[in-house]
Amino acid sequence: MMYQNQYSGNQLQQCRQTAQQLIQQTQQSSQQYKQMLQQEQQNIQMLQQILNHEQHAVHTIQQALQGHELAIQKCQQIVNVCNQLQQEVSGHMPAPMANANVSSFPQTQHHTPFQQHSYQQ
């Protein structure tokens, strides 16, 4: 009977130690999870800042594109006015669109009064 009580006492002591080790390991794991949670929350904040920055960049780019579209429209209006003026001046239809960037007004050669000199040493 005494051997049985001593054996039971040893088992209880071992069970208690095992449970305490499990508690300690679980607390350590909990601490690691808390650190991971804190890191992930910081990551969320950083990603939110990046998202805000990117949204601002998208808005800026959209505004730039709208400005470009408006500039293209204005330039097209200028081309149309130039075509109308050319038509009135020359009395015929404007050059085809393939040559839209080439003026159909007569080209004159400009002579400069400067002469090039070659210097020999």
PDB file of N, CA and C in Angstrom:
ATOM      1  N   MET A   1       0.833  -1.185   0.000  1.00  0.00           N
ATOM      2  CA  MET A   1       0.000   0.000   0.000  1.00  0.00           C
ATOM      3  C   MET A   1       0.885   1.258   0.000  1.00  0.00           C
ATOM      4  N   MET A   2       1.917   1.260   0.795  1.00  0.00           N
ATOM      5  CA  MET A   2       2.808   2.391   0.865  1.00  0.00           C
ATOM      6  C   MET A   2       3.504   2.597  -0.472  1.00  0.00           C
ATOM      7  N   TYR A   3       3.893   1.529  -1.108  1.00  0.00           N
ATOM      8  CA  TYR A   3       4.526   1.618  -2.423  1.00  0.00           C
ATOM      9  C   TYR A   3       3.567   2.242  -3.423  1.00  0.00           C
ATOM     10  N   GLN A   4       2.283   1.854  -3.299  1.00  0.00           N
ATOM     11  CA  GLN A   4       1.268   2.384  -4.208  1.00  0.00           C
ATOM     12  C   GLN A   4       1.078   3.876  -3.976  1.00  0.00           C
ATOM     13  N   ASN A   5       1.075   4.340  -2.717  1.00  0.00           N
ATOM     14  CA  ASN A   5       0.928   5.763  -2.412  1.00  0.00           C
ATOM     15  C   ASN A   5       2.138   6.545  -2.906  1.00  0.00           C
ATOM     16  N   GLN A   6       3.326   5.957  -2.720  1.00  0.00           N
ATOM     17  CA  GLN A   6       4.534   6.614  -3.186  1.00  0.00           C
ATOM     18  C   GLN A   6       4.539   6.688  -4.704  1.00  0.00           C
ATOM     19  N   TYR A   7       4.098   5.628  -5.350  1.00  0.00           N
ATOM     20  CA  TYR A   7       4.042   5.607  -6.810  1.00  0.00           C
ATOM     21  C   TYR A   7       3.028   6.640  -7.297  1.00  0.00           C
ATOM     22  N   SER A   8       1.882   6.716  -6.627  1.00  0.00           N
ATOM     23  CA  SER A   8       0.864   7.696  -6.989  1.00  0.00           C
ATOM     24  C   SER A   8       1.385   9.105  -6.760  1.00  0.00           C
ATOM     25  N   GLY A   9       2.135   9.317  -5.679  1.00  0.00           N
ATOM     26  CA  GLY A   9       2.702  10.622  -5.391  1.00  0.00           C
ATOM     27  C   GLY A   9       3.695  11.037  -6.468  1.00  0.00           C
ATOM     28  N   ASN A  10       4.516  10.107  -6.925  1.00  0.00           N
ATOM     29  CA  ASN A  10       5.464  10.403  -8.001  1.00  0.00           C
ATOM     30  C   ASN A  10       4.734  10.738  -9.299  1.00  0.00           C
ATOM     31  N   GLN A  11       3.675   9.985  -9.555  1.00  0.00           N
ATOM     32  CA  GLN A  11       2.895  10.255 -10.773  1.00  0.00           C
ATOM     33  C   GLN A  11       2.246  11.635 -10.704  1.00  0.00           C
ATOM     34  N   LEU A  12       1.736  11.972  -9.526  1.00  0.00           N
ATOM     35  CA  LEU A  12       1.100  13.281  -9.360  1.00  0.00           C
ATOM     36  C   LEU A  12       2.127  14.396  -9.523  1.00  0.00           C
ATOM     37  N   GLN A  13       3.317  14.205  -8.946  1.00  0.00           N
ATOM     38  CA  GLN A  13       4.377  15.203  -9.085  1.00  0.00           C
ATOM     39  C   GLN A  13       4.773  15.356 -10.552  1.00  0.00           C
ATOM     40  N   GLN A  14       4.923  14.245 -11.244  1.00  0.00           N
ATOM     41  CA  GLN A  14       5.289  14.286 -12.663  1.00  0.00           C
ATOM     42  C   GLN A  14       4.180  14.934 -13.491  1.00  0.00           C
ATOM     43  N   CYS A  15       2.950  14.623 -13.162  1.00  0.00           N
ATOM     44  CA  CYS A  15       1.796  15.216 -13.867  1.00  0.00           C
ATOM     45  C   CYS A  15       1.779  16.726 -13.643  1.00  0.00           C
ATOM     46  N   ARG A  16       2.031  17.155 -12.387  1.00  0.00           N
ATOM     47  CA  ARG A  16       2.048  18.576 -12.054  1.00  0.00           C
ATOM     48  C   ARG A  16       3.166  19.289 -12.830  1.00  0.00           C
ATOM     49  N   GLN A  17       4.346  18.708 -12.873  1.00  0.00           N
ATOM     50  CA  GLN A  17       5.472  19.305 -13.589  1.00  0.00           C
ATOM     51  C   GLN A  17       5.187  19.406 -15.089  1.00  0.00           C
ATOM     52  N   THR A  18       4.594  18.341 -15.630  1.00  0.00           N
ATOM     53  CA  THR A  18       4.259  18.349 -17.058  1.00  0.00           C
ATOM     54  C   THR A  18       3.243  19.449 -17.354  1.00  0.00           C
ATOM     55  N   ALA A  19       2.243  19.582 -16.494  1.00  0.00           N
ATOM     56  CA  ALA A  19       1.223  20.616 -16.691  1.00  0.00           C
ATOM     57  C   ALA A  19       1.854  22.004 -16.585  1.00  0.00           C
ATOM     58  N   GLN A  20       2.780  22.191 -15.620  1.00  0.00           N
ATOM     59  CA  GLN A  20       3.439  23.488 -15.474  1.00  0.00           C
ATOM     60  C   GLN A  20       4.313  23.804 -16.691  1.00  0.00           C
ATOM     61  N   GLN A  21       4.973  22.788 -17.233  1.00  0.00           N
ATOM     62  CA  GLN A  21       5.767  22.990 -18.448  1.00  0.00           C
ATOM     63  C   GLN A  21       4.869  23.384 -19.618  1.00  0.00           C
ATOM     64  N   LEU A  22       3.718  22.722 -19.709  1.00  0.00           N
ATOM     65  CA  LEU A  22       2.769  23.058 -20.776  1.00  0.00           C
ATOM     66  C   LEU A  22       2.256  24.485 -20.619  1.00  0.00           C
ATOM     67  N   ILE A  23       1.999  24.882 -19.375  1.00  0.00           N
ATOM     68  CA  ILE A  23       1.547  26.257 -19.129  1.00  0.00           C
ATOM     69  C   ILE A  23       2.622  27.240 -19.579  1.00  0.00           C
ATOM     70  N   GLN A  24       3.875  26.976 -19.196  1.00  0.00           N
ATOM     71  CA  GLN A  24       4.977  27.869 -19.554  1.00  0.00           C
ATOM     72  C   GLN A  24       5.164  27.932 -21.075  1.00  0.00           C
ATOM     73  N   GLN A  25       5.117  26.779 -21.731  1.00  0.00           N
ATOM     74  CA  GLN A  25       5.274  26.755 -23.193  1.00  0.00           C
ATOM     75  C   GLN A  25       4.120  27.474 -23.887  1.00  0.00           C
ATOM     76  N   THR A  26       2.923  27.288 -23.348  1.00  0.00           N
ATOM     77  CA  THR A  26       1.753  27.943 -23.937  1.00  0.00           C
ATOM     78  C   THR A  26       1.831  29.453 -23.744  1.00  0.00           C
ATOM     79  N   GLN A  27       2.315  29.896 -22.586  1.00  0.00           N
ATOM     80  CA  GLN A  27       2.478  31.332 -22.352  1.00  0.00           C
ATOM     81  C   GLN A  27       3.527  31.919 -23.299  1.00  0.00           C
ATOM     82  N   GLN A  28       4.613  31.181 -23.518  1.00  0.00           N
ATOM     83  CA  GLN A  28       5.635  31.644 -24.458  1.00  0.00           C
ATOM     84  C   GLN A  28       5.062  31.734 -25.872  1.00  0.00           C
ATOM     85  N   SER A  29       4.299  30.726 -26.252  1.00  0.00           N
ATOM     86  CA  SER A  29       3.666  30.746 -27.579  1.00  0.00           C
ATOM     87  C   SER A  29       2.683  31.904 -27.690  1.00  0.00           C
ATOM     88  N   SER A  30       1.941  32.149 -26.618  1.00  0.00           N
ATOM     89  CA  SER A  30       0.994  33.269 -26.621  1.00  0.00           C
ATOM     90  C   SER A  30       1.731  34.585 -26.799  1.00  0.00           C
ATOM     91  N   GLN A  31       2.875  34.727 -26.140  1.00  0.00           N
ATOM     92  CA  GLN A  31       3.669  35.944 -26.270  1.00  0.00           C
ATOM     93  C   GLN A  31       4.149  36.117 -27.708  1.00  0.00           C
ATOM     94  N   GLN A  32       4.576  35.014 -28.328  1.00  0.00           N
ATOM     95  CA  GLN A  32       5.011  35.079 -29.726  1.00  0.00           C
ATOM     96  C   GLN A  32       3.847  35.470 -30.637  1.00  0.00           C
ATOM     97  N   TYR A  33       2.673  34.913 -30.376  1.00  0.00           N
ATOM     98  CA  TYR A  33       1.499  35.269 -31.179  1.00  0.00           C
ATOM     99  C   TYR A  33       1.129  36.738 -30.992  1.00  0.00           C
ATOM    100  N   LYS A  34       1.277  37.245 -29.763  1.00  0.00           N
ATOM    101  CA  LYS A  34       0.992  38.660 -29.523  1.00  0.00           C
ATOM    102  C   LYS A  34       1.957  39.543 -30.313  1.00  0.00           C
ATOM    103  N   GLN A  35       3.239  39.140 -30.352  1.00  0.00           N
ATOM    104  CA  GLN A  35       4.222  39.896 -31.130  1.00  0.00           C
ATOM    105  C   GLN A  35       3.891  39.837 -32.618  1.00  0.00           C
ATOM    106  N   MET A  36       3.495  38.644 -33.082  1.00  0.00           N
ATOM    107  CA  MET A  36       3.118  38.507 -34.492  1.00  0.00           C
ATOM    108  C   MET A  36       1.896  39.366 -34.804  1.00  0.00           C
ATOM    109  N   LEU A  37       0.929  39.376 -33.892  1.00  0.00           N
ATOM    110  CA  LEU A  37      -0.272  40.186 -34.078  1.00  0.00           C
ATOM    111  C   LEU A  37       0.085  41.665 -34.155  1.00  0.00           C
ATOM    112  N   GLN A  38       0.961  42.111 -33.260  1.00  0.00           N
ATOM    113  CA  GLN A  38       1.384  43.512 -33.266  1.00  0.00           C
ATOM    114  C   GLN A  38       2.094  43.853 -34.575  1.00  0.00           C
ATOM    115  N   GLN A  39       2.962  42.954 -35.050  1.00  0.00           N
ATOM    116  CA  GLN A  39       3.668  43.183 -36.313  1.00  0.00           C
ATOM    117  C   GLN A  39       2.686  43.266 -37.477  1.00  0.00           C
ATOM    118  N   GLU A  40       1.702  42.385 -37.482  1.00  0.00           N
ATOM    119  CA  GLU A  40       0.706  42.398 -38.561  1.00  0.00           C
ATOM    120  C   GLU A  40      -0.131  43.674 -38.522  1.00  0.00           C
ATOM    121  N   GLN A  41      -0.440  44.153 -37.325  1.00  0.00           N
ATOM    122  CA  GLN A  41      -1.188  45.410 -37.219  1.00  0.00           C
ATOM    123  C   GLN A  41      -0.354  46.577 -37.738  1.00  0.00           C
ATOM    124  N   GLN A  42       0.948  46.553 -37.455  1.00  0.00           N
ATOM    125  CA  GLN A  42       1.827  47.592 -37.995  1.00  0.00           C
ATOM    126  C   GLN A  42       1.905  47.484 -39.513  1.00  0.00           C
ATOM    127  N   ASN A  43       1.944  46.248 -40.012  1.00  0.00           N
ATOM    128  CA  ASN A  43       1.963  46.041 -41.467  1.00  0.00           C
ATOM    129  C   ASN A  43       0.699  46.597 -42.111  1.00  0.00           C
ATOM    130  N   ILE A  44      -0.435  46.393 -41.444  1.00  0.00           N
ATOM    131  CA  ILE A  44      -1.705  46.917 -41.967  1.00  0.00           C
ATOM    132  C   ILE A  44      -1.639  48.440 -42.060  1.00  0.00           C
ATOM    133  N   GLN A  45      -1.117  49.082 -41.014  1.00  0.00           N
ATOM    134  CA  GLN A  45      -1.012  50.544 -41.022  1.00  0.00           C
ATOM    135  C   GLN A  45      -0.092  51.016 -42.147  1.00  0.00           C
ATOM    136  N   MET A  46       1.025  50.315 -42.321  1.00  0.00           N
ATOM    137  CA  MET A  46       1.962  50.704 -43.369  1.00  0.00           C
ATOM    138  C   MET A  46       1.328  50.496 -44.750  1.00  0.00           C
ATOM    139  N   LEU A  47       0.644  49.374 -44.920  1.00  0.00           N
ATOM    140  CA  LEU A  47      -0.015  49.117 -46.203  1.00  0.00           C
ATOM    141  C   LEU A  47      -1.121  50.138 -46.463  1.00  0.00           C
ATOM    142  N   GLN A  48      -1.812  50.557 -45.414  1.00  0.00           N
ATOM    143  CA  GLN A  48      -2.850  51.572 -45.566  1.00  0.00           C
ATOM    144  C   GLN A  48      -2.235  52.886 -46.032  1.00  0.00           C
ATOM    145  N   GLN A  49      -1.071  53.233 -45.476  1.00  0.00           N
ATOM    146  CA  GLN A  49      -0.386  54.453 -45.910  1.00  0.00           C
ATOM    147  C   GLN A  49       0.038  54.339 -47.371  1.00  0.00           C
ATOM    148  N   ILE A  50       0.542  53.163 -47.741  1.00  0.00           N
ATOM    149  CA  ILE A  50       0.939  52.948 -49.141  1.00  0.00           C
ATOM    150  C   ILE A  50      -0.283  53.043 -50.041  1.00  0.00           C
ATOM    151  N   LEU A  51      -1.393  52.434 -49.610  1.00  0.00           N
ATOM    152  CA  LEU A  51      -2.625  52.490 -50.395  1.00  0.00           C
ATOM    153  C   LEU A  51      -3.074  53.933 -50.581  1.00  0.00           C
ATOM    154  N   ASN A  52      -3.041  54.719 -49.510  1.00  0.00           N
ATOM    155  CA  ASN A  52      -3.430  56.129 -49.611  1.00  0.00           C
ATOM    156  C   ASN A  52      -2.528  56.868 -50.591  1.00  0.00           C
ATOM    157  N   HIS A  53      -1.237  56.598 -50.517  1.00  0.00           N
ATOM    158  CA  HIS A  53      -0.280  57.246 -51.422  1.00  0.00           C
ATOM    159  C   HIS A  53      -0.568  56.846 -52.865  1.00  0.00           C
ATOM    160  N   GLU A  54      -0.826  55.567 -53.089  1.00  0.00           N
ATOM    161  CA  GLU A  54      -1.099  55.077 -54.445  1.00  0.00           C
ATOM    162  C   GLU A  54      -2.417  55.646 -54.978  1.00  0.00           C
ATOM    163  N   GLN A  55      -3.423  55.762 -54.108  1.00  0.00           N
ATOM    164  CA  GLN A  55      -4.690  56.354 -54.539  1.00  0.00           C
ATOM    165  C   GLN A  55      -4.481  57.809 -54.940  1.00  0.00           C
ATOM    166  N   HIS A  56      -3.656  58.517 -54.194  1.00  0.00           N
ATOM    167  CA  HIS A  56      -3.342  59.907 -54.540  1.00  0.00           C
ATOM    168  C   HIS A  56      -2.617  59.956 -55.883  1.00  0.00           C
ATOM    169  N   ALA A  57      -1.686  59.026 -56.088  1.00  0.00           N
ATOM    170  CA  ALA A  57      -0.952  58.977 -57.362  1.00  0.00           C
ATOM    171  C   ALA A  57      -1.904  58.693 -58.519  1.00  0.00           C
ATOM    172  N   VAL A  58      -2.836  57.769 -58.322  1.00  0.00           N
ATOM    173  CA  VAL A  58      -3.822  57.458 -59.361  1.00  0.00           C
ATOM    174  C   VAL A  58      -4.640  58.697 -59.691  1.00  0.00           C
ATOM    175  N   HIS A  59      -5.075  59.417 -58.667  1.00  0.00           N
ATOM    176  CA  HIS A  59      -5.872  60.628 -58.881  1.00  0.00           C
ATOM    177  C   HIS A  59      -5.068  61.669 -59.663  1.00  0.00           C
ATOM    178  N   THR A  60      -3.807  61.829 -59.297  1.00  0.00           N
ATOM    179  CA  THR A  60      -2.941  62.793 -59.989  1.00  0.00           C
ATOM    180  C   THR A  60      -2.760  62.405 -61.451  1.00  0.00           C
ATOM    181  N   ILE A  61      -2.537  61.122 -61.700  1.00  0.00           N
ATOM    182  CA  ILE A  61      -2.360  60.644 -63.081  1.00  0.00           C
ATOM    183  C   ILE A  61      -3.645  60.833 -63.879  1.00  0.00           C
ATOM    184  N   GLN A  62      -4.790  60.558 -63.252  1.00  0.00           N
ATOM    185  CA  GLN A  62      -6.067  60.764 -63.941  1.00  0.00           C
ATOM    186  C   GLN A  62      -6.248  62.229 -64.316  1.00  0.00           C
ATOM    187  N   GLN A  63      -5.885  63.122 -63.411  1.00  0.00           N
ATOM    188  CA  GLN A  63      -5.991  64.549 -63.720  1.00  0.00           C
ATOM    189  C   GLN A  63      -5.057  64.923 -64.866  1.00  0.00           C
ATOM    190  N   ALA A  64      -3.855  64.364 -64.861  1.00  0.00           N
ATOM    191  CA  ALA A  64      -2.906  64.644 -65.947  1.00  0.00           C
ATOM    192  C   ALA A  64      -3.458  64.140 -67.276  1.00  0.00           C
ATOM    193  N   LEU A  65      -4.047  62.956 -67.264  1.00  0.00           N
ATOM    194  CA  LEU A  65      -4.627  62.415 -68.500  1.00  0.00           C
ATOM    195  C   LEU A  65      -5.777  63.288 -68.997  1.00  0.00           C
ATOM    196  N   GLN A  66      -6.598  63.767 -68.081  1.00  0.00           N
ATOM    197  CA  GLN A  66      -7.685  64.662 -68.479  1.00  0.00           C
ATOM    198  C   GLN A  66      -7.118  65.937 -69.086  1.00  0.00           C
ATOM    199  N   GLY A  67      -6.045  66.444 -68.493  1.00  0.00           N
ATOM    200  CA  GLY A  67      -5.396  67.631 -69.049  1.00  0.00           C
ATOM    201  C   GLY A  67      -4.843  67.359 -70.438  1.00  0.00           C
ATOM    202  N   HIS A  68      -4.272  66.181 -70.636  1.00  0.00           N
ATOM    203  CA  HIS A  68      -3.750  65.823 -71.959  1.00  0.00           C
ATOM    204  C   HIS A  68      -4.876  65.716 -72.981  1.00  0.00           C
ATOM    205  N   GLU A  69      -5.981  65.092 -72.566  1.00  0.00           N
ATOM    206  CA  GLU A  69      -7.121  64.981 -73.481  1.00  0.00           C
ATOM    207  C   GLU A  69      -7.634  66.362 -73.876  1.00  0.00           C
ATOM    208  N   LEU A  70      -7.712  67.256 -72.909  1.00  0.00           N
ATOM    209  CA  LEU A  70      -8.160  68.619 -73.195  1.00  0.00           C
ATOM    210  C   LEU A  70      -7.172  69.312 -74.134  1.00  0.00           C
ATOM    211  N   ALA A  71      -5.871  69.122 -73.890  1.00  0.00           N
ATOM    212  CA  ALA A  71      -4.855  69.729 -74.762  1.00  0.00           C
ATOM    213  C   ALA A  71      -4.968  69.186 -76.184  1.00  0.00           C
ATOM    214  N   ILE A  72      -5.218  67.892 -76.309  1.00  0.00           N
ATOM    215  CA  ILE A  72      -5.384  67.292 -77.643  1.00  0.00           C
ATOM    216  C   ILE A  72      -6.593  67.902 -78.344  1.00  0.00           C
ATOM    217  N   GLN A  73      -7.688  68.065 -77.602  1.00  0.00           N
ATOM    218  CA  GLN A  73      -8.885  68.672 -78.196  1.00  0.00           C
ATOM    219  C   GLN A  73      -8.595  70.099 -78.653  1.00  0.00           C
ATOM    220  N   LYS A  74      -7.912  70.857 -77.810  1.00  0.00           N
ATOM    221  CA  LYS A  74      -7.596  72.242 -78.179  1.00  0.00           C
ATOM    222  C   LYS A  74      -6.677  72.279 -79.397  1.00  0.00           C
ATOM    223  N   CYS A  75      -5.687  71.407 -79.437  1.00  0.00           N
ATOM    224  CA  CYS A  75      -4.782  71.360 -80.596  1.00  0.00           C
ATOM    225  C   CYS A  75      -5.539  70.955 -81.853  1.00  0.00           C
ATOM    226  N   GLN A  76      -6.488  70.042 -81.712  1.00  0.00           N
ATOM    227  CA  GLN A  76      -7.285  69.639 -82.873  1.00  0.00           C
ATOM    228  C   GLN A  76      -8.124  70.814 -83.370  1.00  0.00           C
ATOM    229  N   GLN A  77      -8.646  71.614 -82.434  1.00  0.00           N
ATOM    230  CA  GLN A  77      -9.388  72.803 -82.832  1.00  0.00           C
ATOM    231  C   GLN A  77      -8.474  73.770 -83.584  1.00  0.00           C
ATOM    232  N   ILE A  78      -7.243  73.903 -83.116  1.00  0.00           N
ATOM    233  CA  ILE A  78      -6.288  74.778 -83.807  1.00  0.00           C
ATOM    234  C   ILE A  78      -6.013  74.256 -85.207  1.00  0.00           C
ATOM    235  N   VAL A  79      -5.822  72.934 -85.336  1.00  0.00           N
ATOM    236  CA  VAL A  79      -5.596  72.331 -86.657  1.00  0.00           C
ATOM    237  C   VAL A  79      -6.784  72.615 -87.566  1.00  0.00           C
ATOM    238  N   ASN A  80      -7.991  72.481 -87.029  1.00  0.00           N
ATOM    239  CA  ASN A  80      -9.189  72.744 -87.831  1.00  0.00           C
ATOM    240  C   ASN A  80      -9.243  74.201 -88.290  1.00  0.00           C
ATOM    241  N   VAL A  81      -8.920  75.128 -87.388  1.00  0.00           N
ATOM    242  CA  VAL A  81      -8.910  76.547 -87.756  1.00  0.00           C
ATOM    243  C   VAL A  81      -7.845  76.798 -88.815  1.00  0.00           C
ATOM    244  N   CYS A  82      -6.663  76.205 -88.636  1.00  0.00           N
ATOM    245  CA  CYS A  82      -5.592  76.370 -89.629  1.00  0.00           C
ATOM    246  C   CYS A  82      -6.026  75.826 -90.988  1.00  0.00           C
ATOM    247  N   ASN A  83      -6.698  74.686 -90.978  1.00  0.00           N
ATOM    248  CA  ASN A  83      -7.183  74.107 -92.237  1.00  0.00           C
ATOM    249  C   ASN A  83      -8.197  75.034 -92.909  1.00  0.00           C
ATOM    250  N   GLN A  84      -9.082  75.616 -92.098  1.00  0.00           N
ATOM    251  CA  GLN A  84     -10.069  76.539 -92.661  1.00  0.00           C
ATOM    252  C   GLN A  84      -9.386  77.772 -93.241  1.00  0.00           C
ATOM    253  N   LEU A  85      -8.424  78.307 -92.504  1.00  0.00           N
ATOM    254  CA  LEU A  85      -7.704  79.483 -92.995  1.00  0.00           C
ATOM    255  C   LEU A  85      -6.941  79.161 -94.272  1.00  0.00           C
ATOM    256  N   GLN A  86      -6.329  78.002 -94.303  1.00  0.00           N
ATOM    257  CA  GLN A  86      -5.581  77.602 -95.490  1.00  0.00           C
ATOM    258  C   GLN A  86      -6.521  77.464 -96.683  1.00  0.00           C
ATOM    259  N   GLN A  87      -7.691  76.928 -96.415  1.00  0.00           N
ATOM    260  CA  GLN A  87      -8.687  76.757 -97.474  1.00  0.00           C
ATOM    261  C   GLN A  87      -9.116  78.120 -98.016  1.00  0.00           C
ATOM    262  N   GLU A  88      -9.322  79.065 -97.111  1.00  0.00           N
ATOM    263  CA  GLU A  88      -9.735  80.398 -97.540  1.00  0.00           C
ATOM    264  C   GLU A  88      -8.622  81.104 -98.302  1.00  0.00           C
ATOM    265  N   VAL A  89      -7.387  80.935 -97.851  1.00  0.00           N
ATOM    266  CA  VAL A  89      -6.260  81.609 -98.492  1.00  0.00           C
ATOM    267  C   VAL A  89      -5.958  81.003 -99.848  1.00  0.00           C
ATOM    268  N   SER A  90      -5.931  79.695 -99.924  1.00  0.00           N
ATOM    269  CA  SER A  90      -5.522  79.043-101.174  1.00  0.00           C
ATOM    270  C   SER A  90      -6.700  78.725-102.086  1.00  0.00           C
ATOM    271  N   GLY A  91      -7.884  78.748-101.546  1.00  0.00           N
ATOM    272  CA  GLY A  91      -9.061  78.483-102.362  1.00  0.00           C
ATOM    273  C   GLY A  91      -9.245  77.013-102.718  1.00  0.00           C
ATOM    274  N   HIS A  92      -8.609  76.114-102.008  1.00  0.00           N
ATOM    275  CA  HIS A  92      -8.816  74.679-102.265  1.00  0.00           C
ATOM    276  C   HIS A  92      -8.798  73.916-100.946  1.00  0.00           C
ATOM    277  N   MET A  93      -9.040  72.622-101.034  1.00  0.00           N
ATOM    278  CA  MET A  93      -9.148  71.763 -99.857  1.00  0.00           C
ATOM    279  C   MET A  93      -7.770  71.619 -99.193  1.00  0.00           C
ATOM    280  N   PRO A  94      -7.753  71.401 -97.888  1.00  0.00           N
ATOM    281  CA  PRO A  94      -6.475  71.225 -97.197  1.00  0.00           C
ATOM    282  C   PRO A  94      -5.798  69.919 -97.601  1.00  0.00           C
ATOM    283  N   ALA A  95      -4.516  69.838 -97.325  1.00  0.00           N
ATOM    284  CA  ALA A  95      -3.746  68.636 -97.654  1.00  0.00           C
ATOM    285  C   ALA A  95      -4.330  67.439 -96.915  1.00  0.00           C
ATOM    286  N   PRO A  96      -4.166  66.252 -97.464  1.00  0.00           N
ATOM    287  CA  PRO A  96      -4.697  65.054 -96.788  1.00  0.00           C
ATOM    288  C   PRO A  96      -4.080  64.899 -95.397  1.00  0.00           C
ATOM    289  N   MET A  97      -4.764  64.144 -94.561  1.00  0.00           N
ATOM    290  CA  MET A  97      -4.315  63.975 -93.182  1.00  0.00           C
ATOM    291  C   MET A  97      -2.953  63.297 -93.105  1.00  0.00           C
ATOM    292  N   ALA A  98      -2.598  62.513 -94.105  1.00  0.00           N
ATOM    293  CA  ALA A  98      -1.285  61.867 -94.102  1.00  0.00           C
ATOM    294  C   ALA A  98      -0.184  62.913 -94.104  1.00  0.00           C
ATOM    295  N   ASN A  99      -0.464  64.051 -94.676  1.00  0.00           N
ATOM    296  CA  ASN A  99       0.521  65.126 -94.735  1.00  0.00           C
ATOM    297  C   ASN A  99       0.133  66.278 -93.808  1.00  0.00           C
ATOM    298  N   ALA A 100      -0.628  65.961 -92.773  1.00  0.00           N
ATOM    299  CA  ALA A 100      -1.156  67.007 -91.901  1.00  0.00           C
ATOM    300  C   ALA A 100      -0.047  67.765 -91.188  1.00  0.00           C
ATOM    301  N   ASN A 101       1.077  67.125 -90.967  1.00  0.00           N
ATOM    302  CA  ASN A 101       2.138  67.826 -90.262  1.00  0.00           C
ATOM    303  C   ASN A 101       3.070  68.568 -91.219  1.00  0.00           C
ATOM    304  N   VAL A 102       2.791  68.513 -92.508  1.00  0.00           N
ATOM    305  CA  VAL A 102       3.602  69.214 -93.507  1.00  0.00           C
ATOM    306  C   VAL A 102       2.791  70.394 -94.013  1.00  0.00           C
ATOM    307  N   SER A 103       3.352  71.561 -93.940  1.00  0.00           N
ATOM    308  CA  SER A 103       2.650  72.753 -94.386  1.00  0.00           C
ATOM    309  C   SER A 103       2.563  72.759 -95.910  1.00  0.00           C
ATOM    310  N   SER A 104       1.419  73.173 -96.429  1.00  0.00           N
ATOM    311  CA  SER A 104       1.290  73.268 -97.885  1.00  0.00           C
ATOM    312  C   SER A 104       1.567  74.689 -98.372  1.00  0.00           C
ATOM    313  N   PHE A 105       1.957  75.585 -97.436  1.00  0.00           N
ATOM    314  CA  PHE A 105       2.339  76.926 -97.851  1.00  0.00           C
ATOM    315  C   PHE A 105       3.685  76.854 -98.566  1.00  0.00           C
ATOM    316  N   PRO A 106       3.931  77.738 -99.505  1.00  0.00           N
ATOM    317  CA  PRO A 106       5.203  77.691-100.233  1.00  0.00           C
ATOM    318  C   PRO A 106       6.375  77.864 -99.276  1.00  0.00           C
ATOM    319  N   GLN A 107       7.366  77.049 -99.474  1.00  0.00           N
ATOM    320  CA  GLN A 107       8.568  77.112 -98.638  1.00  0.00           C
ATOM    321  C   GLN A 107       9.574  78.051 -99.292  1.00  0.00           C
ATOM    322  N   THR A 108      10.175  78.882 -98.506  1.00  0.00           N
ATOM    323  CA  THR A 108      11.215  79.770 -99.024  1.00  0.00           C
ATOM    324  C   THR A 108      12.526  79.390 -98.379  1.00  0.00           C
ATOM    325  N   GLN A 109      13.562  79.536 -99.138  1.00  0.00           N
ATOM    326  CA  GLN A 109      14.874  79.252 -98.582  1.00  0.00           C
ATOM    327  C   GLN A 109      15.431  80.542 -98.014  1.00  0.00           C
ATOM    328  N   HIS A 110      15.991  80.429 -96.875  1.00  0.00           N
ATOM    329  CA  HIS A 110      16.576  81.588 -96.223  1.00  0.00           C
ATOM    330  C   HIS A 110      18.084  81.491 -96.357  1.00  0.00           C
ATOM    331  N   HIS A 111      18.676  82.529 -96.872  1.00  0.00           N
ATOM    332  CA  HIS A 111      20.125  82.574 -96.982  1.00  0.00           C
ATOM    333  C   HIS A 111      20.652  83.452 -95.869  1.00  0.00           C
ATOM    334  N   THR A 112      21.628  82.964 -95.192  1.00  0.00           N
ATOM    335  CA  THR A 112      22.201  83.753 -94.107  1.00  0.00           C
ATOM    336  C   THR A 112      23.400  84.514 -94.635  1.00  0.00           C
ATOM    337  N   PRO A 113      23.620  85.682 -94.116  1.00  0.00           N
ATOM    338  CA  PRO A 113      24.739  86.493 -94.595  1.00  0.00           C
ATOM    339  C   PRO A 113      26.081  85.964 -94.090  1.00  0.00           C
ATOM    340  N   PHE A 114      26.055  84.972 -93.208  1.00  0.00           N
ATOM    341  CA  PHE A 114      27.304  84.462 -92.658  1.00  0.00           C
ATOM    342  C   PHE A 114      27.849  83.356 -93.532  1.00  0.00           C
ATOM    343  N   GLN A 115      29.135  83.348 -93.697  1.00  0.00           N
ATOM    344  CA  GLN A 115      29.780  82.283 -94.454  1.00  0.00           C
ATOM    345  C   GLN A 115      30.585  81.440 -93.486  1.00  0.00           C
ATOM    346  N   GLN A 116      30.633  80.164 -93.805  1.00  0.00           N
ATOM    347  CA  GLN A 116      31.424  79.279 -92.963  1.00  0.00           C
ATOM    348  C   GLN A 116      32.865  79.314 -93.428  1.00  0.00           C
ATOM    349  N   HIS A 117      33.752  79.439 -92.502  1.00  0.00           N
ATOM    350  CA  HIS A 117      35.179  79.438 -92.805  1.00  0.00           C
ATOM    351  C   HIS A 117      35.793  78.182 -92.231  1.00  0.00           C
ATOM    352  N   SER A 118      36.648  77.572 -92.969  1.00  0.00           N
ATOM    353  CA  SER A 118      37.374  76.429 -92.426  1.00  0.00           C
ATOM    354  C   SER A 118      38.755  76.903 -92.041  1.00  0.00           C
ATOM    355  N   TYR A 119      39.143  76.577 -90.867  1.00  0.00           N
ATOM    356  CA  TYR A 119      40.438  77.004 -90.366  1.00  0.00           C
ATOM    357  C   TYR A 119      41.366  75.811 -90.347  1.00  0.00           C
ATOM    358  N   GLN A 120      42.532  75.993 -90.880  1.00  0.00           N
ATOM    359  CA  GLN A 120      43.528  74.927 -90.869  1.00  0.00           C
ATOM    360  C   GLN A 120      44.650  75.338 -89.949  1.00  0.00           C
ATOM    361  N   GLN A 121      45.123  74.373 -89.217  1.00  0.00           N
ATOM    362  CA  GLN A 121      46.217  74.684 -88.289  1.00  0.00           C
ATOM    363  C   GLN A 121      47.491  74.045 -88.755  1.00  0.00           C
TER     364      GLN A 121
END
